[in-house]
Amino acid sequence: MTKTLKAVIAVAFIWWLAIDAKAEPQEFTFPEETFPEEHCLALNVYFEARSSNLADKYAVADVVLNRVRDARFPDTICTVVKQGLYNSNSQPIRHKCHFSWWCDGKKDDPVNEDRWVEAQTIAWSIIKWDKYRGVTEGSTHYHASYVSPRWRKDIGMQLVGRIGAHIFYRWE
């Protein structure tokens, strides 16, 4: 094969990649009614880590799954994600939930389509294929790096480390 032909093939391949990169993202959605656990995990990843890096997003998902396996927490993804204090009307009490987005009083509808598709992909791949499962080394708690919650010392947590915008802990 001549150098010219190789160069033409290389340029065509690069051009094809550039066009493909500009294509609309593939829609990866699953209905809440059919896949409620995946949907809850995707919501948690979206609202807790949508602006962070990919490792952090998987770490947030990993913590939820670690809680599901821990007897101190509820045994389904949705009940873990929605855990907190509720009023007599079964509404979450503002700022009294394990995951702040669940009871912050704001709408819980994802608005950034690309980040929502990514969150769903992460939820699906960690639940169905164990992708990056264990990345937090058993962590059951985390918080954003810019806050210092009291619980991290009150309940005897061991620092695991920082991934992206979050600091992760597990029981001692």
N, C-alpha and C. Protein backbone atom coordinates (compact mmCIF):
# COMPACT_ATOMS: atom_id res chain seq x y z
N MET A 1 0.85 -1.17 0.00
CA MET A 1 0.00 0.00 0.00
C MET A 1 0.90 1.23 0.00
N THR A 2 0.61 2.17 -0.85
CA THR A 2 1.46 3.35 -0.96
C THR A 2 1.21 4.30 0.19
N LYS A 3 2.17 5.18 0.40
CA LYS A 3 2.05 6.18 1.46
C LYS A 3 0.86 7.10 1.20
N THR A 4 0.62 7.44 -0.05
CA THR A 4 -0.49 8.33 -0.40
C THR A 4 -1.82 7.67 -0.06
N LEU A 5 -1.97 6.39 -0.40
CA LEU A 5 -3.21 5.69 -0.12
C LEU A 5 -3.42 5.58 1.39
N LYS A 6 -2.37 5.30 2.13
CA LYS A 6 -2.46 5.24 3.58
C LYS A 6 -2.88 6.59 4.15
N ALA A 7 -2.34 7.65 3.62
CA ALA A 7 -2.68 9.00 4.09
C ALA A 7 -4.15 9.32 3.80
N VAL A 8 -4.62 8.95 2.61
CA VAL A 8 -6.02 9.19 2.25
C VAL A 8 -6.95 8.41 3.19
N ILE A 9 -6.61 7.16 3.47
CA ILE A 9 -7.42 6.35 4.37
C ILE A 9 -7.42 6.96 5.77
N ALA A 10 -6.26 7.40 6.23
CA ALA A 10 -6.17 8.01 7.56
C ALA A 10 -7.01 9.28 7.65
N VAL A 11 -6.94 10.13 6.63
CA VAL A 11 -7.72 11.36 6.62
C VAL A 11 -9.22 11.04 6.58
N ALA A 12 -9.60 10.07 5.78
CA ALA A 12 -11.02 9.68 5.70
C ALA A 12 -11.51 9.16 7.05
N PHE A 13 -10.69 8.38 7.71
CA PHE A 13 -11.06 7.84 9.02
C PHE A 13 -11.23 8.97 10.04
N ILE A 14 -10.30 9.90 10.06
CA ILE A 14 -10.37 11.04 10.99
C ILE A 14 -11.61 11.88 10.69
N TRP A 15 -11.89 12.10 9.42
CA TRP A 15 -13.09 12.85 9.02
C TRP A 15 -14.34 12.14 9.50
N TRP A 16 -14.39 10.81 9.33
CA TRP A 16 -15.54 10.02 9.78
C TRP A 16 -15.71 10.13 11.29
N LEU A 17 -14.61 10.08 12.04
CA LEU A 17 -14.68 10.22 13.49
C LEU A 17 -15.22 11.60 13.88
N ALA A 18 -14.78 12.62 13.17
CA ALA A 18 -15.23 13.98 13.48
C ALA A 18 -16.73 14.11 13.23
N ILE A 19 -17.22 13.55 12.14
CA ILE A 19 -18.66 13.60 11.85
C ILE A 19 -19.42 12.80 12.89
N ASP A 20 -18.92 11.62 13.23
CA ASP A 20 -19.59 10.76 14.20
C ASP A 20 -19.64 11.42 15.58
N ALA A 21 -18.58 12.15 15.94
CA ALA A 21 -18.54 12.82 17.25
C ALA A 21 -19.59 13.91 17.36
N LYS A 22 -19.97 14.49 16.21
CA LYS A 22 -20.97 15.55 16.22
C LYS A 22 -22.40 15.01 16.18
N ALA A 23 -22.54 13.71 16.00
CA ALA A 23 -23.87 13.12 15.94
C ALA A 23 -24.58 13.28 17.27
N GLU A 24 -25.89 13.26 17.22
CA GLU A 24 -26.69 13.36 18.44
C GLU A 24 -26.40 12.15 19.32
N PRO A 25 -26.37 12.36 20.65
CA PRO A 25 -26.12 11.21 21.52
C PRO A 25 -27.25 10.20 21.41
N GLN A 26 -26.87 8.94 21.51
CA GLN A 26 -27.87 7.87 21.47
C GLN A 26 -28.75 7.97 22.71
N GLU A 27 -30.02 7.88 22.53
CA GLU A 27 -30.97 7.94 23.64
C GLU A 27 -30.88 6.63 24.42
N PHE A 28 -30.51 6.72 25.67
CA PHE A 28 -30.46 5.54 26.54
C PHE A 28 -31.35 5.84 27.72
N THR A 29 -32.61 5.54 27.58
CA THR A 29 -33.54 5.80 28.68
C THR A 29 -34.32 4.54 28.98
N PHE A 30 -34.70 4.43 30.20
CA PHE A 30 -35.56 3.34 30.60
C PHE A 30 -36.69 3.93 31.42
N PRO A 31 -37.90 3.46 31.20
CA PRO A 31 -39.05 4.03 31.90
C PRO A 31 -39.02 3.69 33.38
N GLU A 32 -39.40 4.64 34.19
CA GLU A 32 -39.42 4.47 35.64
C GLU A 32 -40.33 3.31 36.04
N GLU A 33 -41.45 3.15 35.33
CA GLU A 33 -42.39 2.08 35.69
C GLU A 33 -41.78 0.69 35.49
N THR A 34 -40.96 0.54 34.47
CA THR A 34 -40.37 -0.75 34.14
C THR A 34 -39.09 -1.02 34.92
N PHE A 35 -38.30 0.02 35.16
CA PHE A 35 -37.01 -0.12 35.83
C PHE A 35 -36.90 0.89 36.98
N PRO A 36 -37.72 0.74 38.02
CA PRO A 36 -37.73 1.76 39.08
C PRO A 36 -36.40 1.88 39.83
N GLU A 37 -35.73 0.78 40.09
CA GLU A 37 -34.47 0.84 40.84
C GLU A 37 -33.38 1.54 40.03
N GLU A 38 -33.28 1.21 38.77
CA GLU A 38 -32.31 1.86 37.89
C GLU A 38 -32.60 3.35 37.78
N HIS A 39 -33.90 3.68 37.70
CA HIS A 39 -34.31 5.07 37.60
C HIS A 39 -33.92 5.86 38.87
N CYS A 40 -34.17 5.28 40.03
CA CYS A 40 -33.80 5.94 41.30
C CYS A 40 -32.29 6.16 41.38
N LEU A 41 -31.53 5.16 41.00
CA LEU A 41 -30.07 5.31 41.05
C LEU A 41 -29.60 6.36 40.06
N ALA A 42 -30.19 6.37 38.87
CA ALA A 42 -29.82 7.38 37.87
C ALA A 42 -30.13 8.79 38.37
N LEU A 43 -31.27 8.96 39.01
CA LEU A 43 -31.62 10.27 39.58
C LEU A 43 -30.58 10.69 40.63
N ASN A 44 -30.18 9.75 41.46
CA ASN A 44 -29.20 10.08 42.50
C ASN A 44 -27.86 10.47 41.89
N VAL A 45 -27.42 9.72 40.91
CA VAL A 45 -26.15 10.05 40.23
C VAL A 45 -26.27 11.43 39.58
N TYR A 46 -27.38 11.67 38.90
CA TYR A 46 -27.59 12.94 38.22
C TYR A 46 -27.55 14.11 39.19
N PHE A 47 -28.34 14.05 40.26
CA PHE A 47 -28.44 15.19 41.15
C PHE A 47 -27.26 15.32 42.12
N GLU A 48 -26.59 14.25 42.42
CA GLU A 48 -25.46 14.32 43.35
C GLU A 48 -24.14 14.62 42.65
N ALA A 49 -23.99 14.19 41.39
CA ALA A 49 -22.66 14.28 40.78
C ALA A 49 -22.64 14.66 39.31
N ARG A 50 -23.72 15.22 38.79
CA ARG A 50 -23.77 15.45 37.34
C ARG A 50 -22.65 16.35 36.80
N SER A 51 -22.12 17.24 37.62
CA SER A 51 -21.07 18.13 37.11
C SER A 51 -19.67 17.64 37.48
N SER A 52 -19.58 16.46 38.06
CA SER A 52 -18.29 15.91 38.46
C SER A 52 -17.77 14.95 37.39
N ASN A 53 -16.63 14.32 37.69
CA ASN A 53 -16.04 13.41 36.71
C ASN A 53 -16.71 12.03 36.74
N LEU A 54 -16.39 11.22 35.76
CA LEU A 54 -17.02 9.91 35.61
C LEU A 54 -16.75 9.01 36.82
N ALA A 55 -15.54 9.02 37.33
CA ALA A 55 -15.21 8.19 38.50
C ALA A 55 -16.08 8.57 39.69
N ASP A 56 -16.30 9.84 39.90
CA ASP A 56 -17.12 10.32 41.00
C ASP A 56 -18.57 9.86 40.83
N LYS A 57 -19.06 9.89 39.62
CA LYS A 57 -20.43 9.46 39.36
C LYS A 57 -20.60 7.97 39.68
N TYR A 58 -19.64 7.17 39.26
CA TYR A 58 -19.70 5.74 39.60
C TYR A 58 -19.55 5.54 41.10
N ALA A 59 -18.73 6.36 41.75
CA ALA A 59 -18.54 6.24 43.19
C ALA A 59 -19.83 6.54 43.94
N VAL A 60 -20.56 7.56 43.52
CA VAL A 60 -21.85 7.89 44.13
C VAL A 60 -22.81 6.71 43.97
N ALA A 61 -22.84 6.11 42.80
CA ALA A 61 -23.70 4.93 42.58
C ALA A 61 -23.24 3.77 43.45
N ASP A 62 -21.95 3.58 43.59
CA ASP A 62 -21.40 2.49 44.39
C ASP A 62 -21.82 2.62 45.85
N VAL A 63 -21.81 3.84 46.38
CA VAL A 63 -22.23 4.05 47.77
C VAL A 63 -23.68 3.61 47.97
N VAL A 64 -24.55 3.95 47.05
CA VAL A 64 -25.96 3.54 47.18
C VAL A 64 -26.05 2.02 47.22
N LEU A 65 -25.34 1.34 46.34
CA LEU A 65 -25.38 -0.13 46.32
C LEU A 65 -24.75 -0.72 47.58
N ASN A 66 -23.71 -0.08 48.11
CA ASN A 66 -23.13 -0.53 49.37
C ASN A 66 -24.15 -0.43 50.51
N ARG A 67 -24.93 0.64 50.49
CA ARG A 67 -25.97 0.81 51.52
C ARG A 67 -27.04 -0.26 51.39
N VAL A 68 -27.42 -0.59 50.18
CA VAL A 68 -28.44 -1.63 49.97
C VAL A 68 -27.96 -2.95 50.59
N ARG A 69 -26.70 -3.24 50.50
CA ARG A 69 -26.15 -4.50 51.04
C ARG A 69 -25.88 -4.44 52.54
N ASP A 70 -25.92 -3.25 53.12
CA ASP A 70 -25.63 -3.07 54.54
C ASP A 70 -26.93 -3.15 55.34
N ALA A 71 -26.95 -3.97 56.39
CA ALA A 71 -28.16 -4.18 57.19
C ALA A 71 -28.63 -2.91 57.90
N ARG A 72 -27.79 -1.91 58.03
CA ARG A 72 -28.17 -0.66 58.71
C ARG A 72 -29.02 0.26 57.83
N PHE A 73 -29.18 -0.10 56.58
CA PHE A 73 -29.91 0.72 55.62
C PHE A 73 -31.04 -0.10 55.00
N PRO A 74 -31.97 0.58 54.32
CA PRO A 74 -33.04 -0.16 53.62
C PRO A 74 -32.46 -1.11 52.57
N ASP A 75 -33.27 -2.03 52.09
CA ASP A 75 -32.75 -3.07 51.21
C ASP A 75 -33.10 -2.92 49.73
N THR A 76 -33.55 -1.74 49.32
CA THR A 76 -33.74 -1.48 47.90
C THR A 76 -33.10 -0.13 47.55
N ILE A 77 -32.77 0.03 46.30
CA ILE A 77 -32.12 1.27 45.86
C ILE A 77 -33.03 2.47 46.10
N CYS A 78 -34.30 2.37 45.73
CA CYS A 78 -35.21 3.51 45.88
C CYS A 78 -35.40 3.91 47.34
N THR A 79 -35.50 2.93 48.24
CA THR A 79 -35.68 3.30 49.64
C THR A 79 -34.41 3.88 50.24
N VAL A 80 -33.26 3.46 49.75
CA VAL A 80 -32.00 4.07 50.19
C VAL A 80 -31.93 5.51 49.70
N VAL A 81 -32.20 5.72 48.41
CA VAL A 81 -32.12 7.06 47.82
C VAL A 81 -33.11 8.02 48.48
N LYS A 82 -34.28 7.52 48.84
CA LYS A 82 -35.34 8.37 49.40
C LYS A 82 -35.38 8.33 50.92
N GLN A 83 -34.35 7.81 51.54
CA GLN A 83 -34.33 7.70 53.00
C GLN A 83 -34.23 9.07 53.66
N GLY A 84 -35.02 9.26 54.70
CA GLY A 84 -35.02 10.52 55.43
C GLY A 84 -36.24 10.63 56.31
N LEU A 85 -36.47 11.81 56.82
CA LEU A 85 -37.65 12.06 57.66
C LEU A 85 -38.78 12.58 56.79
N TYR A 86 -39.99 12.09 57.08
CA TYR A 86 -41.18 12.46 56.32
C TYR A 86 -42.23 13.03 57.26
N ASN A 87 -43.05 13.94 56.75
CA ASN A 87 -44.13 14.50 57.57
C ASN A 87 -45.36 13.60 57.51
N SER A 88 -46.44 14.00 58.15
CA SER A 88 -47.65 13.18 58.21
C SER A 88 -48.33 13.01 56.85
N ASN A 89 -47.98 13.85 55.87
CA ASN A 89 -48.52 13.74 54.52
C ASN A 89 -47.61 12.92 53.61
N SER A 90 -46.65 12.23 54.20
CA SER A 90 -45.67 11.40 53.46
C SER A 90 -44.78 12.22 52.52
N GLN A 91 -44.58 13.48 52.86
CA GLN A 91 -43.67 14.32 52.10
C GLN A 91 -42.34 14.41 52.84
N PRO A 92 -41.23 14.37 52.11
CA PRO A 92 -39.95 14.49 52.81
C PRO A 92 -39.80 15.85 53.47
N ILE A 93 -39.26 15.85 54.68
CA ILE A 93 -39.03 17.10 55.39
C ILE A 93 -37.76 17.74 54.84
N ARG A 94 -37.88 19.00 54.47
CA ARG A 94 -36.77 19.70 53.83
C ARG A 94 -35.49 19.60 54.64
N HIS A 95 -34.41 19.22 53.96
CA HIS A 95 -33.06 19.11 54.52
C HIS A 95 -32.92 18.03 55.59
N LYS A 96 -33.80 17.03 55.56
CA LYS A 96 -33.74 15.93 56.53
C LYS A 96 -33.64 14.58 55.82
N CYS A 97 -32.98 14.54 54.69
CA CYS A 97 -32.82 13.31 53.92
C CYS A 97 -31.35 12.92 53.84
N HIS A 98 -31.10 11.68 53.56
CA HIS A 98 -29.73 11.22 53.44
C HIS A 98 -29.05 11.82 52.21
N PHE A 99 -29.80 11.99 51.14
CA PHE A 99 -29.28 12.64 49.93
C PHE A 99 -30.01 13.96 49.77
N SER A 100 -29.28 15.02 49.81
CA SER A 100 -29.86 16.37 49.92
C SER A 100 -30.82 16.72 48.79
N TRP A 101 -30.59 16.27 47.59
CA TRP A 101 -31.45 16.63 46.47
C TRP A 101 -32.87 16.12 46.65
N TRP A 102 -33.04 15.03 47.37
CA TRP A 102 -34.35 14.43 47.51
C TRP A 102 -35.31 15.32 48.31
N CYS A 103 -34.78 16.11 49.22
CA CYS A 103 -35.68 16.92 50.05
C CYS A 103 -35.24 18.39 50.09
N ASP A 104 -34.77 18.88 48.96
CA ASP A 104 -34.34 20.28 48.91
C ASP A 104 -35.46 21.22 48.47
N GLY A 105 -36.63 20.67 48.17
CA GLY A 105 -37.77 21.49 47.78
C GLY A 105 -37.79 21.87 46.31
N LYS A 106 -36.81 21.42 45.54
CA LYS A 106 -36.76 21.73 44.11
C LYS A 106 -37.36 20.58 43.32
N LYS A 107 -37.69 20.86 42.06
CA LYS A 107 -38.21 19.81 41.17
C LYS A 107 -37.12 18.77 40.94
N ASP A 108 -37.53 17.54 40.82
CA ASP A 108 -36.59 16.44 40.63
C ASP A 108 -36.64 15.88 39.21
N ASP A 109 -36.76 16.77 38.24
CA ASP A 109 -36.77 16.38 36.84
C ASP A 109 -35.44 16.79 36.21
N PRO A 110 -34.68 15.84 35.69
CA PRO A 110 -33.41 16.20 35.03
C PRO A 110 -33.66 17.12 33.84
N VAL A 111 -32.84 18.15 33.72
CA VAL A 111 -33.02 19.09 32.61
C VAL A 111 -31.88 19.01 31.59
N ASN A 112 -30.72 18.55 31.99
CA ASN A 112 -29.60 18.41 31.07
C ASN A 112 -29.66 17.01 30.46
N GLU A 113 -30.09 16.94 29.21
CA GLU A 113 -30.32 15.64 28.56
C GLU A 113 -29.07 14.78 28.50
N ASP A 114 -27.94 15.37 28.13
CA ASP A 114 -26.70 14.60 28.03
C ASP A 114 -26.31 14.01 29.38
N ARG A 115 -26.39 14.80 30.43
CA ARG A 115 -26.04 14.31 31.77
C ARG A 115 -27.04 13.27 32.26
N TRP A 116 -28.30 13.42 31.87
CA TRP A 116 -29.32 12.45 32.27
C TRP A 116 -29.07 11.10 31.59
N VAL A 117 -28.77 11.14 30.30
CA VAL A 117 -28.45 9.91 29.58
C VAL A 117 -27.22 9.25 30.20
N GLU A 118 -26.23 10.05 30.54
CA GLU A 118 -25.02 9.52 31.17
C GLU A 118 -25.34 8.89 32.53
N ALA A 119 -26.16 9.54 33.33
CA ALA A 119 -26.54 9.01 34.64
C ALA A 119 -27.28 7.69 34.50
N GLN A 120 -28.15 7.59 33.51
CA GLN A 120 -28.87 6.34 33.28
C GLN A 120 -27.92 5.23 32.82
N THR A 121 -26.98 5.59 31.99
CA THR A 121 -25.99 4.61 31.52
C THR A 121 -25.17 4.09 32.69
N ILE A 122 -24.76 4.98 33.57
CA ILE A 122 -23.99 4.59 34.76
C ILE A 122 -24.82 3.68 35.65
N ALA A 123 -26.05 4.06 35.92
CA ALA A 123 -26.93 3.25 36.77
C ALA A 123 -27.10 1.85 36.18
N TRP A 124 -27.38 1.80 34.91
CA TRP A 124 -27.58 0.51 34.26
C TRP A 124 -26.32 -0.34 34.33
N SER A 125 -25.18 0.24 34.00
CA SER A 125 -23.95 -0.56 33.91
C SER A 125 -23.43 -1.00 35.27
N ILE A 126 -23.65 -0.23 36.31
CA ILE A 126 -23.19 -0.67 37.63
C ILE A 126 -24.15 -1.70 38.23
N ILE A 127 -25.44 -1.59 37.94
CA ILE A 127 -26.40 -2.57 38.45
C ILE A 127 -26.33 -3.87 37.65
N LYS A 128 -26.35 -3.78 36.35
CA LYS A 128 -26.45 -4.98 35.51
C LYS A 128 -25.11 -5.67 35.27
N TRP A 129 -24.03 -4.89 35.18
CA TRP A 129 -22.73 -5.47 34.82
C TRP A 129 -21.66 -5.28 35.88
N ASP A 130 -22.02 -4.70 37.03
CA ASP A 130 -21.05 -4.42 38.10
C ASP A 130 -19.87 -3.56 37.64
N LYS A 131 -20.10 -2.73 36.63
CA LYS A 131 -19.03 -1.88 36.12
C LYS A 131 -18.57 -0.92 37.22
N TYR A 132 -17.29 -0.94 37.52
CA TYR A 132 -16.64 -0.13 38.55
C TYR A 132 -17.21 -0.35 39.95
N ARG A 133 -17.87 -1.48 40.14
CA ARG A 133 -18.41 -1.82 41.46
C ARG A 133 -17.24 -2.01 42.42
N GLY A 134 -17.33 -1.39 43.57
CA GLY A 134 -16.27 -1.48 44.57
C GLY A 134 -15.27 -0.34 44.52
N VAL A 135 -15.50 0.62 43.66
CA VAL A 135 -14.56 1.74 43.50
C VAL A 135 -14.38 2.52 44.81
N THR A 136 -15.37 2.48 45.69
CA THR A 136 -15.28 3.23 46.95
C THR A 136 -14.82 2.38 48.12
N GLU A 137 -14.43 1.14 47.84
CA GLU A 137 -13.91 0.24 48.86
C GLU A 137 -14.85 0.10 50.06
N GLY A 138 -16.13 -0.06 49.77
CA GLY A 138 -17.11 -0.31 50.82
C GLY A 138 -17.70 0.93 51.48
N SER A 139 -17.47 2.08 50.92
CA SER A 139 -18.00 3.32 51.50
C SER A 139 -19.53 3.31 51.53
N THR A 140 -20.07 3.82 52.63
CA THR A 140 -21.53 3.96 52.75
C THR A 140 -21.93 5.42 52.91
N HIS A 141 -20.95 6.30 52.96
CA HIS A 141 -21.22 7.73 53.15
C HIS A 141 -20.28 8.55 52.27
N TYR A 142 -20.73 9.72 51.92
CA TYR A 142 -19.88 10.70 51.24
C TYR A 142 -20.46 12.08 51.47
N HIS A 143 -19.67 13.06 51.21
CA HIS A 143 -20.14 14.45 51.21
C HIS A 143 -19.32 15.24 50.21
N ALA A 144 -19.87 16.36 49.78
CA ALA A 144 -19.14 17.24 48.87
C ALA A 144 -17.89 17.76 49.57
N SER A 145 -16.86 17.98 48.81
CA SER A 145 -15.57 18.39 49.39
C SER A 145 -15.62 19.77 50.03
N TYR A 146 -16.63 20.55 49.73
CA TYR A 146 -16.69 21.91 50.27
C TYR A 146 -17.50 22.01 51.56
N VAL A 147 -17.97 20.89 52.11
CA VAL A 147 -18.68 20.91 53.39
C VAL A 147 -17.99 19.97 54.38
N SER A 148 -18.28 20.16 55.66
CA SER A 148 -17.73 19.30 56.72
C SER A 148 -18.86 18.87 57.66
N PRO A 149 -19.61 17.87 57.26
CA PRO A 149 -20.75 17.46 58.09
C PRO A 149 -20.31 16.85 59.43
N ARG A 150 -21.13 17.06 60.42
CA ARG A 150 -20.83 16.57 61.76
C ARG A 150 -20.83 15.04 61.83
N TRP A 151 -21.67 14.39 61.04
CA TRP A 151 -21.81 12.93 61.11
C TRP A 151 -20.51 12.19 60.88
N ARG A 152 -19.59 12.78 60.12
CA ARG A 152 -18.36 12.05 59.81
C ARG A 152 -17.54 11.72 61.05
N LYS A 153 -17.68 12.51 62.11
CA LYS A 153 -16.99 12.22 63.37
C LYS A 153 -17.93 11.60 64.39
N ASP A 154 -19.21 11.99 64.36
CA ASP A 154 -20.19 11.52 65.34
C ASP A 154 -20.43 10.01 65.26
N ILE A 155 -20.39 9.43 64.09
CA ILE A 155 -20.73 8.01 63.98
C ILE A 155 -19.52 7.14 63.68
N GLY A 156 -18.33 7.65 63.91
CA GLY A 156 -17.11 6.85 63.77
C GLY A 156 -16.84 6.38 62.36
N MET A 157 -16.65 7.30 61.45
CA MET A 157 -16.41 6.95 60.06
C MET A 157 -14.92 6.95 59.75
N GLN A 158 -14.51 6.03 58.91
CA GLN A 158 -13.13 5.93 58.45
C GLN A 158 -13.04 6.57 57.07
N LEU A 159 -12.13 7.49 56.90
CA LEU A 159 -11.92 8.15 55.62
C LEU A 159 -11.39 7.14 54.61
N VAL A 160 -12.04 7.05 53.46
CA VAL A 160 -11.55 6.18 52.38
C VAL A 160 -10.74 7.01 51.39
N GLY A 161 -11.26 8.18 51.03
CA GLY A 161 -10.54 9.04 50.10
C GLY A 161 -11.46 9.96 49.33
N ARG A 162 -10.86 10.70 48.45
CA ARG A 162 -11.60 11.65 47.63
C ARG A 162 -11.62 11.19 46.19
N ILE A 163 -12.80 11.28 45.59
CA ILE A 163 -12.95 11.01 44.16
C ILE A 163 -13.76 12.17 43.61
N GLY A 164 -13.18 12.91 42.71
CA GLY A 164 -13.88 14.05 42.13
C GLY A 164 -14.25 15.07 43.19
N ALA A 165 -15.53 15.41 43.25
CA ALA A 165 -16.00 16.46 44.15
C ALA A 165 -16.47 15.92 45.50
N HIS A 166 -16.28 14.62 45.77
CA HIS A 166 -16.79 14.03 46.99
C HIS A 166 -15.70 13.32 47.80
N ILE A 167 -15.92 13.28 49.12
CA ILE A 167 -15.04 12.58 50.05
C ILE A 167 -15.84 11.40 50.59
N PHE A 168 -15.25 10.21 50.57
CA PHE A 168 -15.95 8.98 50.88
C PHE A 168 -15.47 8.36 52.20
N TYR A 169 -16.44 7.74 52.91
CA TYR A 169 -16.19 7.15 54.23
C TYR A 169 -16.86 5.79 54.32
N ARG A 170 -16.33 4.96 55.22
CA ARG A 170 -16.98 3.69 55.55
C ARG A 170 -16.95 3.54 57.06
N TRP A 171 -17.75 2.60 57.56
CA TRP A 171 -17.77 2.34 58.99
C TRP A 171 -16.40 1.82 59.43
N GLU A 172 -15.99 2.18 60.66
CA GLU A 172 -14.71 1.67 61.19
C GLU A 172 -14.85 0.22 61.58
